[in-house]
Structures are given as C-alpha cells and as structure tokens.
Amino acid sequence: MKALIQRVKHAHVTVNDSIVGGIKHGMLVLVGIDAHDTEQNVDTLADRLLKYRLFADEQGRMNLNIGQVDGSILLVSQFTLSADTHKGLRPGFSTAATPAEGERLFNRVVERIQSQHSPVATGQFGADMQVLLQNDGPVTFLLEN
C-alpha cells in the first residue's frame, strides 16, 4: 500500500465537471492499493497518516500532525501508484489490487480515518477524476507499508 501525501493550501476533485470533494488547508492523500494489501495494511496506513508530522510548529519544523493544525484530509484512490515501473517503457498493473478489492480497501481507509478525524473528503473510486491542488511548501512524501 502506498500513500502519496501532499501538504496543501486547498485541493478539490472533479468528476464530469462537478466537484465531488474538496478541502482547504490540510493534506491531499493519493492512495494506491497493491494486490497483496490487507486490512492490517489499511489500518496501519490510516493511523500513520493521522499521526504523520508534516505541518510546521512555531519554529518552522515539521512537528505537527493533521489534528494539531485542525486541517482537512482529501482521500483519492489512485491505482497508478501501484504500477510496476522497474523496467520497460510502459507501466504494468499486475501488482495493483483488483478493482473490487481496491474499492473495498480504499473504503476501509476512508472509514478508518473518518472515525478519528474530521473533515474528510474523497474523490470517486474508479472515476476519471481531475485533481486541482495548491501544494504548500512544496511538501510531498511517499508512505509505503
């Protein structure tokens, strides 16, 4: 499981020219679910996202998590994060979860985070989404577990 997290000033997702989810100050999380991922991977990643310190404290150091800055979270499923890019000139997707399993585990990520934090917005699983964001910093990290 992979999560590409970006500290953002604002972000939103559109599907068919309609905004389906958006946030102001907070964290945009692009989630890639691999074929071998389990519910335990989901729970570990969700807990880590909520505790990950990517916001600046009074000294300008990244010491604060999303809850400490009263930020929002935008979760977007992105199966291309699970692509195999080790060789060749075209990504392979045999390492990604099936659509049904990916949706089930992504929904679990959403539920787990929503049970511990608010506000949380999402994209639309499996849709052709457009993501607009203003990266703050820029600050971007790839978490894997």
C-alpha atoms as a PDB file:
ATOM      1  CA  MET A   1       0.000   0.000   0.000  1.00  0.00           C
ATOM      2  CA  LYS A   2       1.239   3.430  -0.902  1.00  0.00           C
ATOM      3  CA  ALA A   3       0.096   6.908   0.023  1.00  0.00           C
ATOM      4  CA  LEU A   4       1.442   9.987  -1.681  1.00  0.00           C
ATOM      5  CA  ILE A   5       0.702  12.793   0.758  1.00  0.00           C
ATOM      6  CA  GLN A   6       0.896  16.475  -0.024  1.00  0.00           C
ATOM      7  CA  ARG A   7       0.515  19.364   2.364  1.00  0.00           C
ATOM      8  CA  VAL A   8      -1.915  21.685   0.605  1.00  0.00           C
ATOM      9  CA  LYS A   9      -3.412  25.148   0.958  1.00  0.00           C
ATOM     10  CA  HIS A  10      -6.509  23.769  -0.832  1.00  0.00           C
ATOM     11  CA  ALA A  11      -7.452  20.891  -3.127  1.00  0.00           C
ATOM     12  CA  HIS A  12     -10.503  19.523  -4.851  1.00  0.00           C
ATOM     13  CA  VAL A  13     -11.548  16.682  -7.136  1.00  0.00           C
ATOM     14  CA  THR A  14     -13.947  16.990 -10.043  1.00  0.00           C
ATOM     15  CA  VAL A  15     -15.772  14.279 -11.965  1.00  0.00           C
ATOM     16  CA  ASN A  16     -17.664  15.291 -15.116  1.00  0.00           C
ATOM     17  CA  ASP A  17     -17.047  18.968 -14.324  1.00  0.00           C
ATOM     18  CA  SER A  18     -18.645  18.682 -10.860  1.00  0.00           C
ATOM     19  CA  ILE A  19     -16.681  18.954  -7.617  1.00  0.00           C
ATOM     20  CA  VAL A  20     -17.108  15.702  -5.671  1.00  0.00           C
ATOM     21  CA  GLY A  21     -14.742  16.505  -2.803  1.00  0.00           C
ATOM     22  CA  GLY A  22     -12.661  19.412  -1.652  1.00  0.00           C
ATOM     23  CA  ILE A  23     -10.688  20.775   1.281  1.00  0.00           C
ATOM     24  CA  LYS A  24      -8.979  23.917   2.417  1.00  0.00           C
ATOM     25  CA  HIS A  25      -5.750  23.760   4.464  1.00  0.00           C
ATOM     26  CA  GLY A  26      -4.711  20.171   5.046  1.00  0.00           C
ATOM     27  CA  MET A  27      -3.482  17.027   3.386  1.00  0.00           C
ATOM     28  CA  LEU A  28      -4.214  15.517  -0.027  1.00  0.00           C
ATOM     29  CA  VAL A  29      -3.651  11.761   0.071  1.00  0.00           C
ATOM     30  CA  LEU A  30      -3.391   9.727  -3.138  1.00  0.00           C
ATOM     31  CA  VAL A  31      -3.846   6.062  -2.174  1.00  0.00           C
ATOM     32  CA  GLY A  32      -2.501   3.102  -4.168  1.00  0.00           C
ATOM     33  CA  ILE A  33      -3.584  -0.381  -3.120  1.00  0.00           C
ATOM     34  CA  ASP A  34      -1.427  -3.326  -4.078  1.00  0.00           C
ATOM     35  CA  ALA A  35      -2.608  -6.880  -4.750  1.00  0.00           C
ATOM     36  CA  HIS A  36      -1.048  -8.186  -1.520  1.00  0.00           C
ATOM     37  CA  ASP A  37      -2.509  -5.496   0.769  1.00  0.00           C
ATOM     38  CA  THR A  38      -4.698  -6.497   3.701  1.00  0.00           C
ATOM     39  CA  GLU A  39      -6.965  -4.813   6.209  1.00  0.00           C
ATOM     40  CA  GLN A  40      -3.989  -4.654   8.564  1.00  0.00           C
ATOM     41  CA  ASN A  41      -2.060  -2.619   5.953  1.00  0.00           C
ATOM     42  CA  VAL A  42      -5.032  -0.266   5.703  1.00  0.00           C
ATOM     43  CA  ASP A  43      -5.301   0.216   9.452  1.00  0.00           C
ATOM     44  CA  THR A  44      -1.570   0.803   9.830  1.00  0.00           C
ATOM     45  CA  LEU A  45      -1.511   3.334   6.990  1.00  0.00           C
ATOM     46  CA  ALA A  46      -4.613   5.188   8.222  1.00  0.00           C
ATOM     47  CA  ASP A  47      -3.159   5.505  11.722  1.00  0.00           C
ATOM     48  CA  ARG A  48       0.163   6.646  10.315  1.00  0.00           C
ATOM     49  CA  LEU A  49      -1.487   9.295   8.127  1.00  0.00           C
ATOM     50  CA  LEU A  50      -3.277  10.774  11.121  1.00  0.00           C
ATOM     51  CA  LYS A  51      -0.068  10.938  13.150  1.00  0.00           C
ATOM     52  CA  TYR A  52       2.377  11.931  10.395  1.00  0.00           C
ATOM     53  CA  ARG A  53       4.032  15.232  11.207  1.00  0.00           C
ATOM     54  CA  LEU A  54       4.180  17.341   8.062  1.00  0.00           C
ATOM     55  CA  PHE A  55       2.962  20.694   9.400  1.00  0.00           C
ATOM     56  CA  ALA A  56       5.220  23.379  10.823  1.00  0.00           C
ATOM     57  CA  ASP A  57       5.362  24.265  14.501  1.00  0.00           C
ATOM     58  CA  GLU A  58       6.219  27.742  15.823  1.00  0.00           C
ATOM     59  CA  GLN A  59       9.886  27.174  14.964  1.00  0.00           C
ATOM     60  CA  GLY A  60       9.090  26.175  11.393  1.00  0.00           C
ATOM     61  CA  ARG A  61       9.885  22.471  11.968  1.00  0.00           C
ATOM     62  CA  MET A  62       7.605  19.701  10.750  1.00  0.00           C
ATOM     63  CA  ASN A  63       6.423  18.614  14.194  1.00  0.00           C
ATOM     64  CA  LEU A  64       2.627  18.829  13.952  1.00  0.00           C
ATOM     65  CA  ASN A  65       0.117  16.334  12.584  1.00  0.00           C
ATOM     66  CA  ILE A  66      -3.198  16.988  10.828  1.00  0.00           C
ATOM     67  CA  GLY A  67      -5.201  17.039  14.050  1.00  0.00           C
ATOM     68  CA  GLN A  68      -2.869  19.501  15.731  1.00  0.00           C
ATOM     69  CA  VAL A  69      -3.371  22.063  12.933  1.00  0.00           C
ATOM     70  CA  ASP A  70      -7.126  21.460  12.596  1.00  0.00           C
ATOM     71  CA  GLY A  71      -6.605  20.530   8.940  1.00  0.00           C
ATOM     72  CA  SER A  72      -8.755  18.674   6.442  1.00  0.00           C
ATOM     73  CA  ILE A  73      -7.997  15.467   4.555  1.00  0.00           C
ATOM     74  CA  LEU A  74      -8.840  14.702   0.923  1.00  0.00           C
ATOM     75  CA  LEU A  75      -8.501  10.989   0.070  1.00  0.00           C
ATOM     76  CA  VAL A  76      -8.243   9.990  -3.590  1.00  0.00           C
ATOM     77  CA  SER A  77      -7.830   6.449  -4.887  1.00  0.00           C
ATOM     78  CA  GLN A  78      -5.019   6.266  -7.433  1.00  0.00           C
ATOM     79  CA  PHE A  79      -4.263   2.770  -8.656  1.00  0.00           C
ATOM     80  CA  THR A  80      -1.380   4.021 -10.824  1.00  0.00           C
ATOM     81  CA  LEU A  81       0.704   4.318  -7.622  1.00  0.00           C
ATOM     82  CA  SER A  82       0.710   0.513  -7.589  1.00  0.00           C
ATOM     83  CA  ALA A  83       2.169   0.242 -11.095  1.00  0.00           C
ATOM     84  CA  ASP A  84       5.319  -1.773 -11.706  1.00  0.00           C
ATOM     85  CA  THR A  85       7.766   0.682 -13.287  1.00  0.00           C
ATOM     86  CA  HIS A  86      11.009  -1.209 -12.719  1.00  0.00           C
ATOM     87  CA  LYS A  87      11.651  -1.981 -16.375  1.00  0.00           C
ATOM     88  CA  GLY A  88      10.468  -1.120 -19.823  1.00  0.00           C
ATOM     89  CA  LEU A  89       8.736   1.985 -21.092  1.00  0.00           C
ATOM     90  CA  ARG A  90       5.158   1.197 -20.107  1.00  0.00           C
ATOM     91  CA  PRO A  91       3.809   0.672 -16.583  1.00  0.00           C
ATOM     92  CA  GLY A  92       2.448  -2.726 -15.630  1.00  0.00           C
ATOM     93  CA  PHE A  93      -0.553  -3.059 -13.348  1.00  0.00           C
ATOM     94  CA  SER A  94      -0.431  -6.716 -12.321  1.00  0.00           C
ATOM     95  CA  THR A  95       0.844  -5.556  -8.910  1.00  0.00           C
ATOM     96  CA  ALA A  96      -2.310  -3.485  -8.216  1.00  0.00           C
ATOM     97  CA  ALA A  97      -5.328  -4.844  -6.363  1.00  0.00           C
ATOM     98  CA  THR A  98      -8.358  -5.857  -8.401  1.00  0.00           C
ATOM     99  CA  PRO A  99     -10.943  -3.089  -8.740  1.00  0.00           C
ATOM    100  CA  ALA A 100     -13.325  -4.786  -6.287  1.00  0.00           C
ATOM    101  CA  GLU A 101     -10.641  -5.378  -3.654  1.00  0.00           C
ATOM    102  CA  GLY A 102      -9.140  -1.953  -4.223  1.00  0.00           C
ATOM    103  CA  GLU A 103     -12.508  -0.300  -3.657  1.00  0.00           C
ATOM    104  CA  ARG A 104     -13.171  -2.362  -0.535  1.00  0.00           C
ATOM    105  CA  LEU A 105      -9.805  -1.486   0.998  1.00  0.00           C
ATOM    106  CA  PHE A 106      -9.986   2.155  -0.070  1.00  0.00           C
ATOM    107  CA  ASN A 107     -13.402   2.453   1.587  1.00  0.00           C
ATOM    108  CA  ARG A 108     -11.875   0.973   4.731  1.00  0.00           C
ATOM    109  CA  VAL A 109      -9.148   3.662   4.661  1.00  0.00           C
ATOM    110  CA  VAL A 110     -11.855   6.326   4.378  1.00  0.00           C
ATOM    111  CA  GLU A 111     -13.939   4.836   7.202  1.00  0.00           C
ATOM    112  CA  ARG A 112     -10.932   4.399   9.481  1.00  0.00           C
ATOM    113  CA  ILE A 113      -9.801   7.999   9.015  1.00  0.00           C
ATOM    114  CA  GLN A 114     -13.341   9.426   9.261  1.00  0.00           C
ATOM    115  CA  SER A 115     -13.829   7.632  12.581  1.00  0.00           C
ATOM    116  CA  GLN A 116     -10.875   9.551  14.033  1.00  0.00           C
ATOM    117  CA  HIS A 117     -10.769  12.862  12.158  1.00  0.00           C
ATOM    118  CA  SER A 118     -12.993  15.460  10.562  1.00  0.00           C
ATOM    119  CA  PRO A 119     -13.393  16.892   7.994  1.00  0.00           C
ATOM    120  CA  VAL A 120     -12.562  14.219   5.431  1.00  0.00           C
ATOM    121  CA  ALA A 121     -13.466  14.452   1.740  1.00  0.00           C
ATOM    122  CA  THR A 122     -12.936  11.903  -1.037  1.00  0.00           C
ATOM    123  CA  GLY A 123     -12.762  11.518  -4.744  1.00  0.00           C
ATOM    124  CA  GLN A 124     -14.913   8.959  -6.564  1.00  0.00           C
ATOM    125  CA  PHE A 125     -13.436   5.473  -6.787  1.00  0.00           C
ATOM    126  CA  GLY A 126     -12.845   4.302 -10.353  1.00  0.00           C
ATOM    127  CA  ALA A 127     -13.891   7.575 -11.952  1.00  0.00           C
ATOM    128  CA  ASP A 128     -11.883   9.722 -14.323  1.00  0.00           C
ATOM    129  CA  MET A 129     -11.014  12.434 -11.816  1.00  0.00           C
ATOM    130  CA  GLN A 130      -9.368  15.804 -12.163  1.00  0.00           C
ATOM    131  CA  VAL A 131      -7.422  16.876  -9.071  1.00  0.00           C
ATOM    132  CA  LEU A 132      -6.598  20.529  -8.508  1.00  0.00           C
ATOM    133  CA  LEU A 133      -4.327  21.488  -5.643  1.00  0.00           C
ATOM    134  CA  GLN A 134      -2.019  24.138  -4.315  1.00  0.00           C
ATOM    135  CA  ASN A 135       0.899  22.328  -2.715  1.00  0.00           C
ATOM    136  CA  ASP A 136       2.141  24.121   0.410  1.00  0.00           C
ATOM    137  CA  GLY A 137       5.945  24.166   0.612  1.00  0.00           C
ATOM    138  CA  PRO A 138       6.022  22.166  -1.594  1.00  0.00           C
ATOM    139  CA  VAL A 139       5.752  19.268   0.837  1.00  0.00           C
ATOM    140  CA  THR A 140       5.219  15.777  -0.597  1.00  0.00           C
ATOM    141  CA  PHE A 141       6.002  12.379   0.942  1.00  0.00           C
ATOM    142  CA  LEU A 142       5.531   8.795  -0.217  1.00  0.00           C
ATOM    143  CA  LEU A 143       4.497   6.441   2.579  1.00  0.00           C
ATOM    144  CA  GLU A 144       4.681   2.697   1.957  1.00  0.00           C
ATOM    145  CA  ASN A 145       3.772  -0.258   4.132  1.00  0.00           C
END
